[in-house]
Amino acid sequence: MNVKGKIKSVGNTENKSAKFSVRTFVLELEGKYPELVEFQLINDNTLLIEPFSEGDEIEVDFNLKGREYNGRVYNSLQVWKITGEAKPKDEPKPKAEVPQGESKESEDDLPF
């Protein structure tokens, strides 16, 4: 299965045990009434979301998983592929340089 959407949020990787880690992210699916859907990344796949950031449009391929525990059914959407164009990450802006012989305080004579 696959779906397209905009990344709303990305969680941190949680190590559940020595051999099992999980990372979740939320996609906003467009439509008349936008939907928010949470997806899971498991183990090595937790790195698939790294090149992307909030607001990026992506397409995810996933498997629908379900299991029963204590009479209750739990579902998850486990992602195995992410495609899309990552926007460049914001780079820190260089600080404005003050020409030699001048100081920022000399621009204003007011003490406040």
C-alpha atoms as a PDB file:
ATOM      1  CA  MET A   1       0.000   0.000   0.000  1.00  0.00           C
ATOM      2  CA  ASN A   2       1.126   3.569  -0.486  1.00  0.00           C
ATOM      3  CA  VAL A   3      -0.074   7.071   0.238  1.00  0.00           C
ATOM      4  CA  LYS A   4       1.126  10.654  -0.345  1.00  0.00           C
ATOM      5  CA  GLY A   5       1.078  13.438   2.195  1.00  0.00           C
ATOM      6  CA  LYS A   6       2.901  16.253   3.966  1.00  0.00           C
ATOM      7  CA  ILE A   7       5.054  15.528   7.004  1.00  0.00           C
ATOM      8  CA  LYS A   8       3.370  17.044  10.046  1.00  0.00           C
ATOM      9  CA  SER A   9       5.805  15.789  12.716  1.00  0.00           C
ATOM     10  CA  VAL A  10       8.651  13.322  13.233  1.00  0.00           C
ATOM     11  CA  GLY A  11       9.345  11.575  16.527  1.00  0.00           C
ATOM     12  CA  ASN A  12      12.617  10.394  18.006  1.00  0.00           C
ATOM     13  CA  THR A  13      13.823   6.804  17.740  1.00  0.00           C
ATOM     14  CA  GLU A  14      12.849   4.741  20.784  1.00  0.00           C
ATOM     15  CA  ASN A  15      14.898   1.656  21.643  1.00  0.00           C
ATOM     16  CA  LYS A  16      12.376  -0.843  23.004  1.00  0.00           C
ATOM     17  CA  SER A  17      15.022  -3.572  23.479  1.00  0.00           C
ATOM     18  CA  ALA A  18      18.536  -4.412  22.312  1.00  0.00           C
ATOM     19  CA  LYS A  19      17.173  -5.662  18.972  1.00  0.00           C
ATOM     20  CA  PHE A  20      14.043  -3.543  18.475  1.00  0.00           C
ATOM     21  CA  SER A  21      13.704   0.206  17.834  1.00  0.00           C
ATOM     22  CA  VAL A  22      10.711   2.250  16.665  1.00  0.00           C
ATOM     23  CA  ARG A  23      10.276   5.744  15.251  1.00  0.00           C
ATOM     24  CA  THR A  24       6.950   7.335  14.377  1.00  0.00           C
ATOM     25  CA  PHE A  25       5.961  10.208  12.141  1.00  0.00           C
ATOM     26  CA  VAL A  26       2.656  11.846  11.225  1.00  0.00           C
ATOM     27  CA  LEU A  27       1.501  12.582   7.675  1.00  0.00           C
ATOM     28  CA  GLU A  28      -1.230  15.031   6.785  1.00  0.00           C
ATOM     29  CA  LEU A  29      -3.308  13.565   3.970  1.00  0.00           C
ATOM     30  CA  GLU A  30      -5.054  16.143   1.810  1.00  0.00           C
ATOM     31  CA  GLY A  31      -8.727  16.122   1.026  1.00  0.00           C
ATOM     32  CA  LYS A  32     -11.920  17.952   1.861  1.00  0.00           C
ATOM     33  CA  TYR A  33     -11.237  17.066   5.487  1.00  0.00           C
ATOM     34  CA  PRO A  34      -7.469  16.597   5.966  1.00  0.00           C
ATOM     35  CA  GLU A  35      -6.517  13.490   7.937  1.00  0.00           C
ATOM     36  CA  LEU A  36      -3.543  12.994  10.253  1.00  0.00           C
ATOM     37  CA  VAL A  37      -2.133   9.458  10.090  1.00  0.00           C
ATOM     38  CA  GLU A  38       0.705   8.049  12.211  1.00  0.00           C
ATOM     39  CA  PHE A  39       3.211   5.666  10.610  1.00  0.00           C
ATOM     40  CA  GLN A  40       5.944   3.522  12.170  1.00  0.00           C
ATOM     41  CA  LEU A  41       9.518   2.884  11.131  1.00  0.00           C
ATOM     42  CA  ILE A  42      11.089  -0.263  12.606  1.00  0.00           C
ATOM     43  CA  ASN A  43      14.776  -1.066  13.308  1.00  0.00           C
ATOM     44  CA  ASP A  44      17.044  -0.142  10.339  1.00  0.00           C
ATOM     45  CA  ASN A  45      14.143   1.636   8.616  1.00  0.00           C
ATOM     46  CA  THR A  46      14.121   4.327  11.336  1.00  0.00           C
ATOM     47  CA  LEU A  47      16.724   6.146   9.203  1.00  0.00           C
ATOM     48  CA  LEU A  48      14.445   6.411   6.130  1.00  0.00           C
ATOM     49  CA  ILE A  49      12.891   9.672   7.359  1.00  0.00           C
ATOM     50  CA  GLU A  50      16.268  11.409   8.038  1.00  0.00           C
ATOM     51  CA  PRO A  51      16.573  13.289   4.691  1.00  0.00           C
ATOM     52  CA  PHE A  52      13.111  14.825   5.165  1.00  0.00           C
ATOM     53  CA  SER A  53      11.724  17.467   7.498  1.00  0.00           C
ATOM     54  CA  GLU A  54       8.348  18.850   8.520  1.00  0.00           C
ATOM     55  CA  GLY A  55       6.409  20.251   5.586  1.00  0.00           C
ATOM     56  CA  ASP A  56       8.018  17.997   2.952  1.00  0.00           C
ATOM     57  CA  GLU A  57       5.691  16.163   0.551  1.00  0.00           C
ATOM     58  CA  ILE A  58       6.474  12.453   0.521  1.00  0.00           C
ATOM     59  CA  GLU A  59       5.071   9.139  -0.639  1.00  0.00           C
ATOM     60  CA  VAL A  60       5.266   6.191   1.750  1.00  0.00           C
ATOM     61  CA  ASP A  61       4.985   2.493   0.990  1.00  0.00           C
ATOM     62  CA  PHE A  62       3.818   0.534   4.022  1.00  0.00           C
ATOM     63  CA  ASN A  63       2.347  -2.700   5.315  1.00  0.00           C
ATOM     64  CA  LEU A  64      -0.816  -2.766   7.392  1.00  0.00           C
ATOM     65  CA  LYS A  65      -0.142  -4.897  10.490  1.00  0.00           C
ATOM     66  CA  GLY A  66      -2.612  -6.119  13.075  1.00  0.00           C
ATOM     67  CA  ARG A  67      -2.392  -8.346  16.131  1.00  0.00           C
ATOM     68  CA  GLU A  68      -4.472  -9.338  19.113  1.00  0.00           C
ATOM     69  CA  TYR A  69      -3.346  -8.980  22.704  1.00  0.00           C
ATOM     70  CA  ASN A  70      -5.555  -9.674  25.745  1.00  0.00           C
ATOM     71  CA  GLY A  71      -8.720  -9.656  23.648  1.00  0.00           C
ATOM     72  CA  ARG A  72      -7.928  -6.355  21.977  1.00  0.00           C
ATOM     73  CA  VAL A  73      -6.754  -5.764  18.379  1.00  0.00           C
ATOM     74  CA  TYR A  74      -3.872  -3.369  17.681  1.00  0.00           C
ATOM     75  CA  ASN A  75      -3.043  -2.002  14.215  1.00  0.00           C
ATOM     76  CA  SER A  76       0.108  -0.335  12.891  1.00  0.00           C
ATOM     77  CA  LEU A  77       1.290   1.063   9.571  1.00  0.00           C
ATOM     78  CA  GLN A  78       4.881  -0.101   9.099  1.00  0.00           C
ATOM     79  CA  VAL A  79       6.773   1.900   6.466  1.00  0.00           C
ATOM     80  CA  TRP A  80       9.396   0.188   4.320  1.00  0.00           C
ATOM     81  CA  LYS A  81      10.019   2.879   1.667  1.00  0.00           C
ATOM     82  CA  ILE A  82       9.831   6.684   1.517  1.00  0.00           C
ATOM     83  CA  THR A  83      10.175   8.720  -1.672  1.00  0.00           C
ATOM     84  CA  GLY A  84       9.995  12.442  -2.204  1.00  0.00           C
ATOM     85  CA  GLU A  85      12.084  15.517  -2.666  1.00  0.00           C
ATOM     86  CA  ALA A  86      13.650  16.749   0.537  1.00  0.00           C
ATOM     87  CA  LYS A  87      13.820  20.514   0.919  1.00  0.00           C
ATOM     88  CA  PRO A  88      17.237  21.843   1.886  1.00  0.00           C
ATOM     89  CA  LYS A  89      17.632  22.110   5.640  1.00  0.00           C
ATOM     90  CA  ASP A  90      17.828  25.638   7.040  1.00  0.00           C
ATOM     91  CA  GLU A  91      21.451  26.633   7.347  1.00  0.00           C
ATOM     92  CA  PRO A  92      22.536  29.078  10.043  1.00  0.00           C
ATOM     93  CA  LYS A  93      22.695  32.601   8.694  1.00  0.00           C
ATOM     94  CA  PRO A  94      26.113  34.267   8.848  1.00  0.00           C
ATOM     95  CA  LYS A  95      26.424  37.022  11.410  1.00  0.00           C
ATOM     96  CA  ALA A  96      26.556  40.555  10.056  1.00  0.00           C
ATOM     97  CA  GLU A  97      30.048  41.889  10.207  1.00  0.00           C
ATOM     98  CA  VAL A  98      30.784  45.333  11.558  1.00  0.00           C
ATOM     99  CA  PRO A  99      33.425  47.192   9.510  1.00  0.00           C
ATOM    100  CA  GLN A 100      36.676  47.854  11.368  1.00  0.00           C
ATOM    101  CA  GLY A 101      36.759  51.101  13.260  1.00  0.00           C
ATOM    102  CA  GLU A 102      33.014  51.067  13.825  1.00  0.00           C
ATOM    103  CA  SER A 103      30.979  49.448  16.536  1.00  0.00           C
ATOM    104  CA  LYS A 104      27.320  48.652  16.727  1.00  0.00           C
ATOM    105  CA  GLU A 105      26.951  51.048  19.656  1.00  0.00           C
ATOM    106  CA  SER A 106      28.163  53.979  17.566  1.00  0.00           C
ATOM    107  CA  GLU A 107      25.052  53.688  15.409  1.00  0.00           C
ATOM    108  CA  ASP A 108      22.850  54.801  18.292  1.00  0.00           C
ATOM    109  CA  ASP A 109      23.700  57.404  20.893  1.00  0.00           C
ATOM    110  CA  LEU A 110      20.825  56.290  23.101  1.00  0.00           C
ATOM    111  CA  PRO A 111      21.807  54.115  26.065  1.00  0.00           C
ATOM    112  CA  PHE A 112      18.757  51.850  25.693  1.00  0.00           C
END
